[in-house]
Amino acid sequence: MRILVVGTGGVGAAFAAIAVRRSFFEHCALADYDPARPKAVADDLDDSRISAHQVDAS
């Protein structure tokens, strides 16, 4: 399963932190308007299944 999380504020970051403890997914893309936010979350989690991306979903 591949997952896209749009928004890496409190809820998105919490989801990612919980998800890395699970084995049910092969990849999780974290996306936010501010590219520093998903990068910070991905760097903190240090899991090769997590990637960070910039997106404007407005």
PDB file of N, CA and C in Angstrom:
ATOM      1  N   MET A   1       0.839  -1.167   0.000  1.00  0.00           N
ATOM      2  CA  MET A   1       0.000   0.000   0.000  1.00  0.00           C
ATOM      3  C   MET A   1       0.892   1.240   0.000  1.00  0.00           C
ATOM      4  N   ARG A   2       0.506   2.219  -0.794  1.00  0.00           N
ATOM      5  CA  ARG A   2       1.185   3.513  -0.820  1.00  0.00           C
ATOM      6  C   ARG A   2       0.239   4.565  -0.251  1.00  0.00           C
ATOM      7  N   ILE A   3       0.772   5.469   0.554  1.00  0.00           N
ATOM      8  CA  ILE A   3      -0.036   6.465   1.257  1.00  0.00           C
ATOM      9  C   ILE A   3       0.464   7.861   0.916  1.00  0.00           C
ATOM     10  N   LEU A   4      -0.479   8.797   0.730  1.00  0.00           N
ATOM     11  CA  LEU A   4      -0.156  10.213   0.570  1.00  0.00           C
ATOM     12  C   LEU A   4      -0.799  10.961   1.723  1.00  0.00           C
ATOM     13  N   VAL A   5      -0.002  11.691   2.481  1.00  0.00           N
ATOM     14  CA  VAL A   5      -0.498  12.525   3.572  1.00  0.00           C
ATOM     15  C   VAL A   5      -0.304  13.973   3.148  1.00  0.00           C
ATOM     16  N   VAL A   6      -1.412  14.692   2.968  1.00  0.00           N
ATOM     17  CA  VAL A   6      -1.343  16.102   2.583  1.00  0.00           C
ATOM     18  C   VAL A   6      -1.505  16.923   3.853  1.00  0.00           C
ATOM     19  N   GLY A   7      -0.441  17.610   4.211  1.00  0.00           N
ATOM     20  CA  GLY A   7      -0.409  18.411   5.430  1.00  0.00           C
ATOM     21  C   GLY A   7       0.409  17.712   6.499  1.00  0.00           C
ATOM     22  N   THR A   8       1.477  18.356   6.935  1.00  0.00           N
ATOM     23  CA  THR A   8       2.343  17.741   7.946  1.00  0.00           C
ATOM     24  C   THR A   8       2.397  18.592   9.209  1.00  0.00           C
ATOM     25  N   GLY A   9       1.232  19.112   9.582  1.00  0.00           N
ATOM     26  CA  GLY A   9       1.105  19.775  10.880  1.00  0.00           C
ATOM     27  C   GLY A   9       1.005  18.710  11.960  1.00  0.00           C
ATOM     28  N   GLY A  10       0.261  18.988  12.999  1.00  0.00           N
ATOM     29  CA  GLY A  10       0.151  18.059  14.122  1.00  0.00           C
ATOM     30  C   GLY A  10      -0.408  16.702  13.756  1.00  0.00           C
ATOM     31  N   VAL A  11      -1.506  16.677  13.013  1.00  0.00           N
ATOM     32  CA  VAL A  11      -2.151  15.401  12.668  1.00  0.00           C
ATOM     33  C   VAL A  11      -1.308  14.605  11.679  1.00  0.00           C
ATOM     34  N   GLY A  12      -0.816  15.253  10.622  1.00  0.00           N
ATOM     35  CA  GLY A  12      -0.008  14.556   9.626  1.00  0.00           C
ATOM     36  C   GLY A  12       1.278  14.000  10.213  1.00  0.00           C
ATOM     37  N   ALA A  13       1.934  14.785  11.055  1.00  0.00           N
ATOM     38  CA  ALA A  13       3.169  14.333  11.696  1.00  0.00           C
ATOM     39  C   ALA A  13       2.891  13.175  12.653  1.00  0.00           C
ATOM     40  N   ALA A  14       1.780  13.255  13.392  1.00  0.00           N
ATOM     41  CA  ALA A  14       1.418  12.170  14.311  1.00  0.00           C
ATOM     42  C   ALA A  14       1.095  10.891  13.545  1.00  0.00           C
ATOM     43  N   PHE A  15       0.371  11.024  12.428  1.00  0.00           N
ATOM     44  CA  PHE A  15       0.067   9.853  11.603  1.00  0.00           C
ATOM     45  C   PHE A  15       1.359   9.180  11.153  1.00  0.00           C
ATOM     46  N   ALA A  16       2.297   9.972  10.647  1.00  0.00           N
ATOM     47  CA  ALA A  16       3.549   9.414  10.142  1.00  0.00           C
ATOM     48  C   ALA A  16       4.335   8.721  11.250  1.00  0.00           C
ATOM     49  N   ALA A  17       4.361   9.317  12.434  1.00  0.00           N
ATOM     50  CA  ALA A  17       5.089   8.721  13.557  1.00  0.00           C
ATOM     51  C   ALA A  17       4.492   7.373  13.952  1.00  0.00           C
ATOM     52  N   ILE A  18       3.186   7.257  13.890  1.00  0.00           N
ATOM     53  CA  ILE A  18       2.530   5.979  14.199  1.00  0.00           C
ATOM     54  C   ILE A  18       2.733   4.988  13.055  1.00  0.00           C
ATOM     55  N   ALA A  19       2.631   5.465  11.820  1.00  0.00           N
ATOM     56  CA  ALA A  19       2.732   4.585  10.650  1.00  0.00           C
ATOM     57  C   ALA A  19       4.081   3.884  10.558  1.00  0.00           C
ATOM     58  N   VAL A  20       5.170   4.567  10.903  1.00  0.00           N
ATOM     59  CA  VAL A  20       6.487   3.930  10.770  1.00  0.00           C
ATOM     60  C   VAL A  20       6.654   2.735  11.704  1.00  0.00           C
ATOM     61  N   ARG A  21       5.800   2.623  12.700  1.00  0.00           N
ATOM     62  CA  ARG A  21       5.855   1.462  13.599  1.00  0.00           C
ATOM     63  C   ARG A  21       5.060   0.282  13.055  1.00  0.00           C
ATOM     64  N   ARG A  22       4.465   0.454  11.890  1.00  0.00           N
ATOM     65  CA  ARG A  22       3.632  -0.588  11.282  1.00  0.00           C
ATOM     66  C   ARG A  22       4.287  -1.098   9.995  1.00  0.00           C
ATOM     67  N   SER A  23       3.912  -2.287   9.583  1.00  0.00           N
ATOM     68  CA  SER A  23       4.495  -2.884   8.374  1.00  0.00           C
ATOM     69  C   SER A  23       3.503  -2.978   7.221  1.00  0.00           C
ATOM     70  N   PHE A  24       2.318  -2.396   7.348  1.00  0.00           N
ATOM     71  CA  PHE A  24       1.265  -2.582   6.343  1.00  0.00           C
ATOM     72  C   PHE A  24       1.444  -1.746   5.077  1.00  0.00           C
ATOM     73  N   PHE A  25       2.412  -0.843   5.030  1.00  0.00           N
ATOM     74  CA  PHE A  25       2.572   0.000   3.846  1.00  0.00           C
ATOM     75  C   PHE A  25       3.994  -0.088   3.308  1.00  0.00           C
ATOM     76  N   GLU A  26       4.110   0.155   1.992  1.00  0.00           N
ATOM     77  CA  GLU A  26       5.440   0.125   1.383  1.00  0.00           C
ATOM     78  C   GLU A  26       6.041   1.510   1.244  1.00  0.00           C
ATOM     79  N   HIS A  27       5.197   2.553   1.151  1.00  0.00           N
ATOM     80  CA  HIS A  27       5.710   3.919   1.014  1.00  0.00           C
ATOM     81  C   HIS A  27       4.674   4.919   1.507  1.00  0.00           C
ATOM     82  N   CYS A  28       5.143   5.984   2.149  1.00  0.00           N
ATOM     83  CA  CYS A  28       4.274   7.072   2.605  1.00  0.00           C
ATOM     84  C   CYS A  28       4.911   8.388   2.170  1.00  0.00           C
ATOM     85  N   ALA A  29       4.202   9.125   1.322  1.00  0.00           N
ATOM     86  CA  ALA A  29       4.668  10.434   0.861  1.00  0.00           C
ATOM     87  C   ALA A  29       4.023  11.508   1.726  1.00  0.00           C
ATOM     88  N   LEU A  30       4.848  12.325   2.357  1.00  0.00           N
ATOM     89  CA  LEU A  30       4.369  13.445   3.157  1.00  0.00           C
ATOM     90  C   LEU A  30       4.465  14.699   2.304  1.00  0.00           C
ATOM     91  N   ALA A  31       3.375  15.461   2.222  1.00  0.00           N
ATOM     92  CA  ALA A  31       3.353  16.651   1.375  1.00  0.00           C
ATOM     93  C   ALA A  31       2.800  17.842   2.145  1.00  0.00           C
ATOM     94  N   ASP A  32       3.359  19.019   1.869  1.00  0.00           N
ATOM     95  CA  ASP A  32       2.912  20.247   2.510  1.00  0.00           C
ATOM     96  C   ASP A  32       3.280  21.410   1.598  1.00  0.00           C
ATOM     97  N   TYR A  33       2.592  22.535   1.775  1.00  0.00           N
ATOM     98  CA  TYR A  33       2.907  23.733   0.988  1.00  0.00           C
ATOM     99  C   TYR A  33       4.322  24.224   1.305  1.00  0.00           C
ATOM    100  N   ASP A  34       4.682  24.155   2.579  1.00  0.00           N
ATOM    101  CA  ASP A  34       6.027  24.543   3.026  1.00  0.00           C
ATOM    102  C   ASP A  34       6.915  23.299   2.980  1.00  0.00           C
ATOM    103  N   PRO A  35       7.856  23.229   2.047  1.00  0.00           N
ATOM    104  CA  PRO A  35       8.651  22.002   1.891  1.00  0.00           C
ATOM    105  C   PRO A  35       9.499  21.642   3.108  1.00  0.00           C
ATOM    106  N   ALA A  36       9.752  22.594   3.983  1.00  0.00           N
ATOM    107  CA  ALA A  36      10.560  22.309   5.172  1.00  0.00           C
ATOM    108  C   ALA A  36       9.806  21.431   6.175  1.00  0.00           C
ATOM    109  N   ARG A  37       8.483  21.532   6.195  1.00  0.00           N
ATOM    110  CA  ARG A  37       7.698  20.775   7.183  1.00  0.00           C
ATOM    111  C   ARG A  37       7.742  19.269   6.937  1.00  0.00           C
ATOM    112  N   PRO A  38       7.411  18.776   5.738  1.00  0.00           N
ATOM    113  CA  PRO A  38       7.498  17.320   5.548  1.00  0.00           C
ATOM    114  C   PRO A  38       8.932  16.806   5.617  1.00  0.00           C
ATOM    115  N   LYS A  39       9.888  17.636   5.195  1.00  0.00           N
ATOM    116  CA  LYS A  39      11.292  17.219   5.269  1.00  0.00           C
ATOM    117  C   LYS A  39      11.713  17.026   6.724  1.00  0.00           C
ATOM    118  N   ALA A  40      11.292  17.940   7.596  1.00  0.00           N
ATOM    119  CA  ALA A  40      11.638  17.825   9.017  1.00  0.00           C
ATOM    120  C   ALA A  40      11.035  16.558   9.626  1.00  0.00           C
ATOM    121  N   VAL A  41       9.788  16.268   9.283  1.00  0.00           N
ATOM    122  CA  VAL A  41       9.132  15.060   9.807  1.00  0.00           C
ATOM    123  C   VAL A  41       9.847  13.817   9.284  1.00  0.00           C
ATOM    124  N   ALA A  42      10.111  13.783   7.986  1.00  0.00           N
ATOM    125  CA  ALA A  42      10.785  12.621   7.388  1.00  0.00           C
ATOM    126  C   ALA A  42      12.181  12.432   7.978  1.00  0.00           C
ATOM    127  N   ASP A  43      12.906  13.533   8.164  1.00  0.00           N
ATOM    128  CA  ASP A  43      14.248  13.441   8.749  1.00  0.00           C
ATOM    129  C   ASP A  43      14.193  12.904  10.178  1.00  0.00           C
ATOM    130  N   ASP A  44      13.216  13.365  10.955  1.00  0.00           N
ATOM    131  CA  ASP A  44      13.077  12.898  12.339  1.00  0.00           C
ATOM    132  C   ASP A  44      12.755  11.405  12.402  1.00  0.00           C
ATOM    133  N   LEU A  45      11.942  10.924  11.464  1.00  0.00           N
ATOM    134  CA  LEU A  45      11.520   9.523  11.483  1.00  0.00           C
ATOM    135  C   LEU A  45      12.595   8.586  10.955  1.00  0.00           C
ATOM    136  N   ASP A  46      13.433   9.072  10.046  1.00  0.00           N
ATOM    137  CA  ASP A  46      14.559   8.294   9.514  1.00  0.00           C
ATOM    138  C   ASP A  46      14.143   6.887   9.072  1.00  0.00           C
ATOM    139  N   ASP A  47      13.144   6.841   8.186  1.00  0.00           N
ATOM    140  CA  ASP A  47      12.632   5.575   7.649  1.00  0.00           C
ATOM    141  C   ASP A  47      12.629   5.696   6.126  1.00  0.00           C
ATOM    142  N   SER A  48      13.228   4.756   5.439  1.00  0.00           N
ATOM    143  CA  SER A  48      13.342   4.836   3.976  1.00  0.00           C
ATOM    144  C   SER A  48      11.992   4.774   3.272  1.00  0.00           C
ATOM    145  N   ARG A  49      10.939   4.364   3.968  1.00  0.00           N
ATOM    146  CA  ARG A  49       9.605   4.307   3.362  1.00  0.00           C
ATOM    147  C   ARG A  49       8.906   5.664   3.349  1.00  0.00           C
ATOM    148  N   ILE A  50       9.488   6.666   3.994  1.00  0.00           N
ATOM    149  CA  ILE A  50       8.891   7.999   4.102  1.00  0.00           C
ATOM    150  C   ILE A  50       9.637   8.958   3.186  1.00  0.00           C
ATOM    151  N   SER A  51       8.881   9.727   2.391  1.00  0.00           N
ATOM    152  CA  SER A  51       9.503  10.758   1.557  1.00  0.00           C
ATOM    153  C   SER A  51       8.771  12.078   1.756  1.00  0.00           C
ATOM    154  N   ALA A  52       9.465  13.179   1.478  1.00  0.00           N
ATOM    155  CA  ALA A  52       8.919  14.524   1.679  1.00  0.00           C
ATOM    156  C   ALA A  52       8.754  15.227   0.341  1.00  0.00           C
ATOM    157  N   HIS A  53       7.626  15.946   0.202  1.00  0.00           N
ATOM    158  CA  HIS A  53       7.321  16.622  -1.058  1.00  0.00           C
ATOM    159  C   HIS A  53       6.625  17.949  -0.801  1.00  0.00           C
ATOM    160  N   GLN A  54       6.789  18.885  -1.715  1.00  0.00           N
ATOM    161  CA  GLN A  54       6.090  20.165  -1.662  1.00  0.00           C
ATOM    162  C   GLN A  54       4.890  20.075  -2.582  1.00  0.00           C
ATOM    163  N   VAL A  55       3.730  20.569  -2.120  1.00  0.00           N
ATOM    164  CA  VAL A  55       2.522  20.559  -2.937  1.00  0.00           C
ATOM    165  C   VAL A  55       1.672  21.773  -2.574  1.00  0.00           C
ATOM    166  N   ASP A  56       1.037  22.361  -3.579  1.00  0.00           N
ATOM    167  CA  ASP A  56       0.086  23.450  -3.357  1.00  0.00           C
ATOM    168  C   ASP A  56      -1.293  22.884  -3.650  1.00  0.00           C
ATOM    169  N   ALA A  57      -2.036  22.530  -2.610  1.00  0.00           N
ATOM    170  CA  ALA A  57      -3.342  21.896  -2.771  1.00  0.00           C
ATOM    171  C   ALA A  57      -4.486  22.903  -2.692  1.00  0.00           C
ATOM    172  N   SER A  58      -4.175  24.189  -2.848  1.00  0.00           N
ATOM    173  CA  SER A  58      -5.238  25.201  -2.754  1.00  0.00           C
ATOM    174  C   SER A  58      -6.031  25.291  -4.036  1.00  0.00           C
TER     175      SER A  58
END
